Amino acid sequence: MIDIRTEMLLDALSDALALPPAATGNGAELRARLERRRTAAVRAAVDHARSSGDLTEAVERLDHALHDLPLCYRPAPGERPTLSAVPGGRG
């Protein structure tokens, strides 16, 4: 059985890597850039969790990184992003 802190970290990692498909070709480029940046944030969170053993801080760091990386493209119709779509967000 996974403890609650580990479950929270795994949920945060899954959410960070779950991006809806882009509606346009240009959106696909922005999505790919955002995906790379989110992947780097996930790696940093995992590295922190491994080196410190502090899973709560790893989740907080990942949440902060994701807040700084808003969805910067228009998702395909019917797809809902896990984070708020922010027009002109960094990507």
N, C-alpha and C. Protein backbone atom coordinates (compact mmCIF):
# COMPACT_ATOMS: atom_id res chain seq x y z
N MET A 1 0.85 -1.19 0.00
CA MET A 1 0.00 0.00 0.00
C MET A 1 0.89 1.24 0.00
N ILE A 2 0.57 2.18 -0.86
CA ILE A 2 1.33 3.42 -0.98
C ILE A 2 0.85 4.40 0.08
N ASP A 3 1.81 5.06 0.76
CA ASP A 3 1.41 6.06 1.75
C ASP A 3 0.91 7.32 1.05
N ILE A 4 0.27 8.20 1.81
CA ILE A 4 -0.40 9.37 1.23
C ILE A 4 0.57 10.34 0.57
N ARG A 5 1.77 10.52 1.14
CA ARG A 5 2.74 11.45 0.54
C ARG A 5 3.23 10.92 -0.80
N THR A 6 3.46 9.63 -0.89
CA THR A 6 3.89 9.03 -2.15
C THR A 6 2.77 9.13 -3.18
N GLU A 7 1.55 8.89 -2.75
CA GLU A 7 0.41 8.99 -3.66
C GLU A 7 0.26 10.42 -4.18
N MET A 8 0.45 11.41 -3.30
CA MET A 8 0.37 12.81 -3.72
C MET A 8 1.44 13.14 -4.75
N LEU A 9 2.65 12.63 -4.54
CA LEU A 9 3.73 12.88 -5.50
C LEU A 9 3.42 12.22 -6.84
N LEU A 10 2.96 11.00 -6.81
CA LEU A 10 2.64 10.30 -8.06
C LEU A 10 1.51 11.00 -8.81
N ASP A 11 0.50 11.47 -8.08
CA ASP A 11 -0.59 12.21 -8.72
C ASP A 11 -0.06 13.50 -9.36
N ALA A 12 0.80 14.21 -8.65
CA ALA A 12 1.35 15.46 -9.18
C ALA A 12 2.19 15.19 -10.43
N LEU A 13 2.96 14.12 -10.42
CA LEU A 13 3.78 13.76 -11.59
C LEU A 13 2.89 13.43 -12.78
N SER A 14 1.85 12.66 -12.55
CA SER A 14 0.93 12.30 -13.63
C SER A 14 0.25 13.54 -14.20
N ASP A 15 -0.22 14.43 -13.32
CA ASP A 15 -0.88 15.65 -13.79
C ASP A 15 0.08 16.52 -14.59
N ALA A 16 1.33 16.59 -14.16
CA ALA A 16 2.32 17.42 -14.86
C ALA A 16 2.56 16.94 -16.28
N LEU A 17 2.48 15.64 -16.47
CA LEU A 17 2.78 15.07 -17.79
C LEU A 17 1.55 14.90 -18.67
N ALA A 18 0.36 15.18 -18.14
CA ALA A 18 -0.88 15.02 -18.89
C ALA A 18 -1.26 16.34 -19.56
N LEU A 19 -0.94 16.45 -20.83
CA LEU A 19 -1.29 17.64 -21.61
C LEU A 19 -2.25 17.23 -22.72
N PRO A 20 -3.31 18.00 -22.91
CA PRO A 20 -4.23 17.68 -23.99
C PRO A 20 -3.60 17.99 -25.34
N PRO A 21 -4.05 17.32 -26.40
CA PRO A 21 -3.53 17.62 -27.74
C PRO A 21 -3.87 19.05 -28.15
N ALA A 22 -3.06 19.59 -29.03
CA ALA A 22 -3.26 20.95 -29.52
C ALA A 22 -4.28 20.97 -30.66
N ALA A 23 -4.98 22.09 -30.78
CA ALA A 23 -5.99 22.24 -31.82
C ALA A 23 -5.38 22.62 -33.17
N THR A 24 -4.20 23.22 -33.16
CA THR A 24 -3.60 23.71 -34.40
C THR A 24 -2.16 23.23 -34.52
N GLY A 25 -1.60 23.36 -35.74
CA GLY A 25 -0.20 23.00 -35.96
C GLY A 25 0.74 23.85 -35.13
N ASN A 26 0.49 25.16 -35.09
CA ASN A 26 1.31 26.05 -34.27
C ASN A 26 1.18 25.67 -32.79
N GLY A 27 -0.02 25.28 -32.38
CA GLY A 27 -0.24 24.84 -31.01
C GLY A 27 0.57 23.60 -30.68
N ALA A 28 0.78 22.75 -31.66
CA ALA A 28 1.58 21.54 -31.43
C ALA A 28 3.02 21.90 -31.07
N GLU A 29 3.55 22.93 -31.71
CA GLU A 29 4.91 23.37 -31.38
C GLU A 29 4.97 23.93 -29.96
N LEU A 30 3.98 24.74 -29.61
CA LEU A 30 3.93 25.30 -28.26
C LEU A 30 3.73 24.19 -27.23
N ARG A 31 2.90 23.20 -27.56
CA ARG A 31 2.66 22.08 -26.66
C ARG A 31 3.95 21.30 -26.43
N ALA A 32 4.71 21.06 -27.50
CA ALA A 32 5.96 20.31 -27.37
C ALA A 32 6.96 21.06 -26.47
N ARG A 33 7.03 22.37 -26.63
CA ARG A 33 7.93 23.16 -25.80
C ARG A 33 7.50 23.09 -24.33
N LEU A 34 6.19 23.22 -24.09
CA LEU A 34 5.66 23.15 -22.73
C LEU A 34 5.90 21.76 -22.14
N GLU A 35 5.72 20.74 -22.96
CA GLU A 35 5.94 19.37 -22.49
C GLU A 35 7.39 19.18 -22.06
N ARG A 36 8.33 19.72 -22.82
CA ARG A 36 9.75 19.61 -22.43
C ARG A 36 10.01 20.32 -21.11
N ARG A 37 9.43 21.49 -20.94
CA ARG A 37 9.65 22.25 -19.70
C ARG A 37 8.98 21.55 -18.52
N ARG A 38 7.81 20.98 -18.73
CA ARG A 38 7.16 20.24 -17.64
C ARG A 38 7.94 18.98 -17.30
N THR A 39 8.48 18.31 -18.31
CA THR A 39 9.28 17.12 -18.05
C THR A 39 10.50 17.47 -17.20
N ALA A 40 11.13 18.60 -17.48
CA ALA A 40 12.27 19.04 -16.67
C ALA A 40 11.84 19.31 -15.23
N ALA A 41 10.65 19.88 -15.04
CA ALA A 41 10.14 20.13 -13.68
C ALA A 41 9.87 18.82 -12.95
N VAL A 42 9.36 17.82 -13.67
CA VAL A 42 9.12 16.50 -13.08
C VAL A 42 10.44 15.88 -12.66
N ARG A 43 11.46 15.95 -13.53
CA ARG A 43 12.77 15.40 -13.18
C ARG A 43 13.34 16.08 -11.93
N ALA A 44 13.19 17.40 -11.84
CA ALA A 44 13.69 18.13 -10.68
C ALA A 44 12.97 17.69 -9.40
N ALA A 45 11.67 17.48 -9.50
CA ALA A 45 10.91 17.04 -8.33
C ALA A 45 11.33 15.64 -7.90
N VAL A 46 11.52 14.75 -8.86
CA VAL A 46 11.96 13.39 -8.54
C VAL A 46 13.37 13.42 -7.94
N ASP A 47 14.25 14.22 -8.51
CA ASP A 47 15.61 14.35 -7.96
C ASP A 47 15.57 14.86 -6.52
N HIS A 48 14.72 15.85 -6.26
CA HIS A 48 14.61 16.37 -4.89
C HIS A 48 14.09 15.29 -3.94
N ALA A 49 13.07 14.57 -4.37
CA ALA A 49 12.50 13.52 -3.53
C ALA A 49 13.54 12.45 -3.23
N ARG A 50 14.32 12.08 -4.22
CA ARG A 50 15.36 11.05 -4.01
C ARG A 50 16.47 11.54 -3.10
N SER A 51 16.93 12.77 -3.32
CA SER A 51 18.09 13.25 -2.56
C SER A 51 17.73 13.64 -1.12
N SER A 52 16.51 14.15 -0.92
CA SER A 52 16.15 14.63 0.41
C SER A 52 15.21 13.70 1.16
N GLY A 53 14.46 12.90 0.42
CA GLY A 53 13.44 12.07 1.04
C GLY A 53 12.19 12.85 1.41
N ASP A 54 12.15 14.13 1.08
CA ASP A 54 11.02 15.00 1.42
C ASP A 54 10.04 15.04 0.25
N LEU A 55 9.06 14.15 0.29
CA LEU A 55 8.09 14.06 -0.80
C LEU A 55 7.14 15.26 -0.81
N THR A 56 6.82 15.78 0.35
CA THR A 56 5.92 16.92 0.42
C THR A 56 6.54 18.13 -0.26
N GLU A 57 7.81 18.38 0.02
CA GLU A 57 8.51 19.50 -0.62
C GLU A 57 8.64 19.27 -2.12
N ALA A 58 8.85 18.04 -2.54
CA ALA A 58 8.94 17.73 -3.97
C ALA A 58 7.62 18.10 -4.67
N VAL A 59 6.48 17.76 -4.05
CA VAL A 59 5.18 18.11 -4.62
C VAL A 59 5.02 19.62 -4.67
N GLU A 60 5.41 20.31 -3.61
CA GLU A 60 5.28 21.77 -3.58
C GLU A 60 6.14 22.42 -4.66
N ARG A 61 7.35 21.92 -4.85
CA ARG A 61 8.23 22.46 -5.90
C ARG A 61 7.63 22.22 -7.28
N LEU A 62 7.07 21.05 -7.48
CA LEU A 62 6.45 20.74 -8.78
C LEU A 62 5.23 21.62 -9.01
N ASP A 63 4.40 21.78 -7.98
CA ASP A 63 3.23 22.64 -8.11
C ASP A 63 3.65 24.07 -8.46
N HIS A 64 4.68 24.56 -7.82
CA HIS A 64 5.16 25.92 -8.10
C HIS A 64 5.66 26.02 -9.55
N ALA A 65 6.42 25.03 -9.98
CA ALA A 65 6.93 25.03 -11.36
C ALA A 65 5.78 25.01 -12.37
N LEU A 66 4.76 24.21 -12.11
CA LEU A 66 3.62 24.13 -13.03
C LEU A 66 2.83 25.43 -13.04
N HIS A 67 2.76 26.08 -11.91
CA HIS A 67 2.08 27.37 -11.86
C HIS A 67 2.81 28.38 -12.75
N ASP A 68 4.12 28.27 -12.82
CA ASP A 68 4.93 29.17 -13.66
C ASP A 68 4.93 28.75 -15.13
N LEU A 69 4.35 27.60 -15.44
CA LEU A 69 4.29 27.09 -16.81
C LEU A 69 2.82 26.87 -17.22
N PRO A 70 2.07 27.94 -17.40
CA PRO A 70 0.65 27.77 -17.74
C PRO A 70 0.48 27.20 -19.15
N LEU A 71 -0.70 26.65 -19.37
CA LEU A 71 -1.04 26.13 -20.70
C LEU A 71 -0.97 27.29 -21.69
N CYS A 72 -0.19 27.15 -22.74
CA CYS A 72 0.09 28.27 -23.65
C CYS A 72 -0.40 28.00 -25.07
N TYR A 73 -1.32 27.07 -25.23
CA TYR A 73 -1.87 26.76 -26.55
C TYR A 73 -3.34 26.41 -26.38
N ARG A 74 -4.06 26.43 -27.49
CA ARG A 74 -5.48 26.08 -27.45
C ARG A 74 -5.63 24.56 -27.60
N PRO A 75 -6.24 23.90 -26.62
CA PRO A 75 -6.43 22.45 -26.71
C PRO A 75 -7.44 22.09 -27.80
N ALA A 76 -7.35 20.88 -28.29
CA ALA A 76 -8.31 20.38 -29.27
C ALA A 76 -9.70 20.38 -28.64
N PRO A 77 -10.74 20.58 -29.45
CA PRO A 77 -12.11 20.61 -28.91
C PRO A 77 -12.42 19.34 -28.12
N GLY A 78 -13.10 19.54 -27.01
CA GLY A 78 -13.48 18.41 -26.17
C GLY A 78 -12.43 18.01 -25.18
N GLU A 79 -11.22 18.51 -25.32
CA GLU A 79 -10.15 18.18 -24.38
C GLU A 79 -10.11 19.25 -23.30
N ARG A 80 -9.93 18.86 -22.08
CA ARG A 80 -9.87 19.81 -20.99
C ARG A 80 -8.51 19.71 -20.32
N PRO A 81 -7.79 20.82 -20.22
CA PRO A 81 -6.48 20.80 -19.57
C PRO A 81 -6.61 20.62 -18.07
N THR A 82 -5.56 20.12 -17.43
CA THR A 82 -5.58 19.96 -15.99
C THR A 82 -5.32 21.28 -15.28
N LEU A 83 -4.69 22.23 -15.96
CA LEU A 83 -4.44 23.55 -15.41
C LEU A 83 -5.21 24.58 -16.21
N SER A 84 -5.37 25.76 -15.64
CA SER A 84 -6.09 26.83 -16.34
C SER A 84 -5.35 27.24 -17.60
N ALA A 85 -6.10 27.42 -18.66
CA ALA A 85 -5.51 27.92 -19.91
C ALA A 85 -5.30 29.42 -19.76
N VAL A 86 -4.09 29.86 -20.00
CA VAL A 86 -3.76 31.27 -19.87
C VAL A 86 -3.25 31.75 -21.21
N PRO A 87 -4.05 32.58 -21.94
CA PRO A 87 -3.58 33.08 -23.23
C PRO A 87 -2.27 33.84 -23.07
N GLY A 88 -1.34 33.55 -23.97
CA GLY A 88 -0.05 34.23 -23.94
C GLY A 88 0.86 33.73 -22.85
N GLY A 89 0.53 32.61 -22.23
CA GLY A 89 1.37 32.06 -21.18
C GLY A 89 2.72 31.64 -21.72
N ARG A 90 3.65 31.48 -20.80
CA ARG A 90 4.99 31.06 -21.22
C ARG A 90 4.95 29.61 -21.67
N GLY A 91 5.81 29.27 -22.62
CA GLY A 91 5.80 27.90 -23.10
C GLY A 91 7.05 27.43 -23.56
